[in-house]
Amino acid sequence: MSAIRFVSHGLTHVGLVRRRNEDAFLDRPEVGLWAAADGMGGHEAGDYASARIVAALSEIAPTGDLAAFANSCEARLRDVDAELRIRAAMLGPAATIASTVVLLLADESEYICVWAGDSRIYLWRNGELRRLTTDHSRVQELVDAGLLAPESAASHPHSNIVTCAIGGGRLEFGRVSEALGPGDRFLLCSDGLTNMVTDPEIARELSPPAMPAVTAQRLLDLVLARGAHDNVTVVVVATEAAG
């Protein structure tokens, strides 16, 4: 297989309604690690939670193969989960300091997605867009049970209820892996994007030849043009032949 390099770009914005940005992202193409974290709105110090996640992941060095690297990231996130729960307990029995997280890890032959919550990863490959993550949310449970149509999920009154998070609810990681393909392009994002931009629109912007920085800005501009009711974070990752 030809040598692969990664080109990536991340953006986060407070939006046009919220006073504080509780999102954070990580962009480490040199080690093949990217992340987006969405501090849980309405809770104490959601911005602290997302920042702690990104800080912890920024300190991890790749060890062994990609699966071992993913295991190290999960272990570090479990440490952050414990830290956030202890900090919240000091504030009172009803306090929560929590954040969703989604990770992309990649090397020259494979990618792995790890997530907890409803932040997402999409893959654009061969002209088609595919969502790689499955939301850990109340509405996704209803969809999975056949009690709610997928197209009704975004407008459901419980659409903001997350069932897994770092520091809140139960902690359970989703994980998927697959061989990396030539020309693969990934999008990591918070629900500030997906609640306001459709999958066909994401597919249009994620398709080449636009560079990741241009794609990320275009997606952010779409949200801002529609009122940006929430914080929004986008990280775009493109594979290219090295040399």
Protein backbone atom coordinates (compact mmCIF):
# COMPACT_ATOMS: atom_id res chain seq x y z
CA MET A 1 0.00 0.00 0.00
CA SER A 2 1.23 3.53 -0.84
CA ALA A 3 2.28 5.74 2.04
CA ILE A 4 -0.58 7.82 3.41
CA ARG A 5 -0.51 11.18 5.11
CA PHE A 6 -3.36 12.97 6.87
CA VAL A 7 -4.43 16.55 6.34
CA SER A 8 -6.92 17.88 8.89
CA HIS A 9 -8.48 21.01 10.30
CA GLY A 10 -10.74 21.70 13.28
CA LEU A 11 -13.00 24.61 14.20
CA THR A 12 -15.23 25.35 17.17
CA HIS A 13 -17.64 28.26 17.65
CA VAL A 14 -19.84 29.37 20.54
CA GLY A 15 -22.75 29.91 18.15
CA LEU A 16 -25.15 32.82 18.14
CA VAL A 17 -27.27 32.03 21.21
CA ARG A 18 -25.12 30.45 23.93
CA ARG A 19 -22.86 32.61 26.09
CA ARG A 20 -20.18 29.97 26.65
CA ASN A 21 -18.58 27.41 24.37
CA GLU A 22 -18.66 23.98 26.04
CA ASP A 23 -17.23 22.20 22.97
CA ALA A 24 -13.57 21.31 22.43
CA PHE A 25 -11.59 19.42 19.81
CA LEU A 26 -8.24 17.71 19.26
CA ASP A 27 -6.31 17.72 15.97
CA ARG A 28 -3.18 15.53 16.03
CA PRO A 29 -2.54 14.36 12.45
CA GLU A 30 1.09 13.60 13.29
CA VAL A 31 -0.02 10.66 15.47
CA GLY A 32 -3.33 9.87 13.77
CA LEU A 33 -5.65 11.03 16.55
CA TRP A 34 -8.61 13.42 16.40
CA ALA A 35 -11.45 14.11 18.82
CA ALA A 36 -14.53 16.24 19.38
CA ALA A 37 -16.12 16.71 22.81
CA ASP A 38 -19.40 18.42 23.68
CA GLY A 39 -19.82 19.50 27.30
CA MET A 40 -23.33 18.60 28.36
CA GLY A 41 -25.45 21.74 28.24
CA GLY A 42 -27.23 22.89 31.36
CA HIS A 43 -24.77 21.13 33.64
CA GLU A 44 -22.05 22.62 35.79
CA ALA A 45 -18.75 23.18 34.00
CA GLY A 46 -19.44 21.37 30.74
CA ASP A 47 -16.61 23.41 29.25
CA TYR A 48 -14.29 22.07 31.96
CA ALA A 49 -15.29 18.49 31.11
CA SER A 50 -14.62 18.81 27.39
CA ALA A 51 -11.34 20.61 28.03
CA ARG A 52 -10.17 17.85 30.40
CA ILE A 53 -10.94 15.23 27.76
CA VAL A 54 -8.93 17.02 25.11
CA ALA A 55 -6.05 17.70 27.50
CA ALA A 56 -5.88 14.04 28.52
CA LEU A 57 -5.91 12.79 24.93
CA SER A 58 -3.27 15.31 23.88
CA GLU A 59 -0.80 13.66 26.29
CA ILE A 60 -1.12 10.10 24.93
CA ALA A 61 1.65 8.73 22.73
CA PRO A 62 0.91 5.90 20.27
CA THR A 63 2.05 2.52 21.56
CA GLY A 64 1.83 -0.79 19.76
CA ASP A 65 -0.74 -1.20 17.01
CA LEU A 66 -3.80 0.95 16.41
CA ALA A 67 -6.04 -1.20 18.62
CA ALA A 68 -3.59 -0.79 21.51
CA PHE A 69 -3.59 2.98 20.93
CA ALA A 70 -7.41 2.98 21.07
CA ASN A 71 -7.31 0.96 24.28
CA SER A 72 -4.94 3.52 25.81
CA CYS A 73 -7.31 6.32 24.85
CA GLU A 74 -10.28 4.52 26.39
CA ALA A 75 -8.33 3.91 29.60
CA ARG A 76 -7.40 7.57 29.82
CA LEU A 77 -11.00 8.60 29.25
CA ARG A 78 -12.09 6.30 32.07
CA ASP A 79 -9.61 8.14 34.30
CA VAL A 80 -11.16 11.46 33.27
CA ASP A 81 -14.63 10.03 33.91
CA ALA A 82 -13.66 9.15 37.47
CA GLU A 83 -12.06 12.56 37.99
CA LEU A 84 -15.16 14.40 36.77
CA ARG A 85 -17.48 12.34 38.96
CA ILE A 86 -15.38 13.08 42.04
CA ARG A 87 -15.31 16.79 41.20
CA ALA A 88 -19.07 16.84 40.67
CA ALA A 89 -19.70 15.04 43.98
CA MET A 90 -17.86 17.86 45.75
CA LEU A 91 -20.41 20.31 44.32
CA GLY A 92 -23.42 18.37 45.60
CA PRO A 93 -25.44 15.20 45.00
CA ALA A 94 -27.27 16.60 41.94
CA ALA A 95 -24.23 18.10 40.22
CA THR A 96 -22.90 16.75 36.93
CA ILE A 97 -19.71 17.64 35.06
CA ALA A 98 -19.85 15.68 31.83
CA SER A 99 -19.14 15.64 28.11
CA THR A 100 -19.70 13.49 25.07
CA VAL A 101 -16.62 12.43 23.13
CA VAL A 102 -15.88 10.96 19.73
CA LEU A 103 -12.41 9.82 18.61
CA LEU A 104 -10.90 8.91 15.28
CA LEU A 105 -7.63 6.99 15.25
CA ALA A 106 -5.93 6.07 11.98
CA ASP A 107 -2.71 4.72 10.52
CA GLU A 108 -1.75 3.88 6.94
CA SER A 109 -4.00 0.82 6.77
CA GLU A 110 -6.85 1.12 9.28
CA TYR A 111 -9.10 3.48 11.19
CA ILE A 112 -10.91 3.08 14.52
CA CYS A 113 -13.78 5.17 15.87
CA VAL A 114 -14.47 5.31 19.62
CA TRP A 115 -17.32 7.28 21.13
CA ALA A 116 -19.58 7.93 24.11
CA GLY A 117 -22.62 10.12 23.57
CA ASP A 118 -24.16 11.71 20.49
CA SER A 119 -21.24 13.48 18.84
CA ARG A 120 -20.64 11.80 15.50
CA ILE A 121 -18.14 10.67 12.88
CA TYR A 122 -19.02 10.52 9.18
CA LEU A 123 -17.01 8.93 6.37
CA TRP A 124 -17.10 10.12 2.76
CA ARG A 125 -15.85 7.35 0.45
CA ASN A 126 -16.32 6.76 -3.26
CA GLY A 127 -19.00 9.40 -3.57
CA GLU A 128 -21.10 8.20 -0.64
CA LEU A 129 -21.53 9.46 2.93
CA ARG A 130 -21.82 7.00 5.81
CA ARG A 131 -22.30 7.69 9.51
CA LEU A 132 -19.86 5.50 11.45
CA THR A 133 -21.17 6.16 14.97
CA THR A 134 -24.51 5.36 16.57
CA ASP A 135 -25.82 7.95 19.01
CA HIS A 136 -25.96 7.02 22.67
CA SER A 137 -29.24 8.86 23.21
CA ARG A 138 -32.81 8.37 24.33
CA VAL A 139 -34.21 8.96 20.84
CA GLN A 140 -31.77 6.47 19.28
CA GLU A 141 -33.04 3.86 21.73
CA LEU A 142 -36.58 4.62 20.54
CA VAL A 143 -35.50 4.35 16.92
CA ASP A 144 -33.71 1.05 17.59
CA ALA A 145 -36.86 -0.29 19.27
CA GLY A 146 -38.98 0.65 16.27
CA LEU A 147 -40.96 3.20 18.30
CA LEU A 148 -39.74 6.29 16.46
CA ALA A 149 -39.02 6.98 12.80
CA PRO A 150 -35.42 8.09 12.19
CA GLU A 151 -36.59 11.23 10.42
CA SER A 152 -38.52 12.25 13.56
CA ALA A 153 -35.58 11.91 15.93
CA ALA A 154 -34.23 15.47 15.63
CA SER A 155 -37.58 17.05 16.54
CA HIS A 156 -38.41 14.69 19.41
CA PRO A 157 -38.76 16.43 22.82
CA HIS A 158 -36.11 14.08 24.29
CA SER A 159 -33.61 14.65 21.48
CA ASN A 160 -31.15 16.28 23.89
CA ILE A 161 -31.02 13.37 26.36
CA VAL A 162 -27.69 11.54 26.15
CA THR A 163 -27.43 8.11 27.76
CA CYS A 164 -23.61 7.75 27.80
CA ALA A 165 -21.00 10.38 28.55
CA ILE A 166 -17.67 10.98 30.22
CA GLY A 167 -18.65 12.01 33.75
CA GLY A 168 -22.40 11.47 33.42
CA GLY A 169 -24.88 8.63 33.03
CA ARG A 170 -23.28 5.29 32.34
CA LEU A 171 -19.92 5.06 30.62
CA GLU A 172 -19.98 2.73 27.65
CA PHE A 173 -17.83 3.12 24.55
CA GLY A 174 -18.91 2.34 21.04
CA ARG A 175 -16.16 1.18 18.71
CA VAL A 176 -15.95 0.38 15.01
CA SER A 177 -12.93 -0.29 12.80
CA GLU A 178 -12.30 -0.82 9.11
CA ALA A 179 -9.54 -0.78 6.52
CA LEU A 180 -8.56 2.71 5.44
CA GLY A 181 -9.34 3.49 1.80
CA PRO A 182 -7.60 5.85 -0.62
CA GLY A 183 -9.25 9.25 -0.62
CA ASP A 184 -11.22 8.65 2.59
CA ARG A 185 -12.51 11.85 4.22
CA PHE A 186 -13.85 11.98 7.77
CA LEU A 187 -15.93 14.47 9.71
CA LEU A 188 -16.05 14.57 13.52
CA CYS A 189 -18.72 16.90 14.87
CA SER A 190 -20.89 17.90 17.79
CA ASP A 191 -24.67 17.94 17.55
CA GLY A 192 -24.51 21.70 17.08
CA LEU A 193 -23.78 20.79 13.45
CA THR A 194 -26.01 17.76 12.91
CA ASN A 195 -29.08 19.40 14.43
CA MET A 196 -28.91 22.11 11.76
CA VAL A 197 -27.24 20.57 8.70
CA THR A 198 -28.60 17.55 6.80
CA ASP A 199 -26.61 14.49 5.78
CA PRO A 200 -26.90 15.38 2.05
CA GLU A 201 -25.47 18.82 2.84
CA ILE A 202 -22.63 17.23 4.80
CA ALA A 203 -21.94 14.91 1.85
CA ARG A 204 -21.83 17.85 -0.55
CA GLU A 205 -19.32 19.77 1.57
CA LEU A 206 -17.18 16.76 2.51
CA SER A 207 -16.60 15.63 -1.06
CA PRO A 208 -13.27 16.59 -2.66
CA PRO A 209 -11.49 18.60 -3.90
CA ALA A 210 -11.92 21.18 -1.13
CA MET A 211 -9.17 21.13 1.51
CA PRO A 212 -10.20 20.29 5.10
CA ALA A 213 -9.86 23.91 6.25
CA VAL A 214 -12.24 25.06 3.51
CA THR A 215 -14.70 22.25 4.21
CA ALA A 216 -14.71 22.92 7.95
CA GLN A 217 -15.35 26.63 7.41
CA ARG A 218 -18.17 25.98 4.94
CA LEU A 219 -19.92 23.65 7.38
CA LEU A 220 -19.57 26.19 10.18
CA ASP A 221 -20.89 28.93 7.92
CA LEU A 222 -23.99 26.85 7.18
CA VAL A 223 -24.77 26.57 10.89
CA LEU A 224 -24.13 30.26 11.52
CA ALA A 225 -26.38 31.23 8.62
CA ARG A 226 -29.20 29.23 10.24
CA GLY A 227 -28.90 30.85 13.65
CA ALA A 228 -26.35 28.55 15.38
CA HIS A 229 -28.55 27.75 18.37
CA ASP A 230 -25.82 25.66 20.01
CA ASN A 231 -22.04 25.47 20.17
CA VAL A 232 -20.70 23.82 17.03
CA THR A 233 -17.48 21.88 16.42
CA VAL A 234 -16.21 20.32 13.20
CA VAL A 235 -12.98 18.42 12.51
CA VAL A 236 -12.32 17.35 8.92
CA VAL A 237 -9.68 14.70 8.16
CA ALA A 238 -8.55 13.79 4.63
CA THR A 239 -6.20 11.04 3.51
CA GLU A 240 -3.65 11.79 0.81
CA ALA A 241 -0.88 9.83 -0.87
CA ALA A 242 2.42 10.90 0.66
CA GLY A 243 5.27 12.10 -1.50
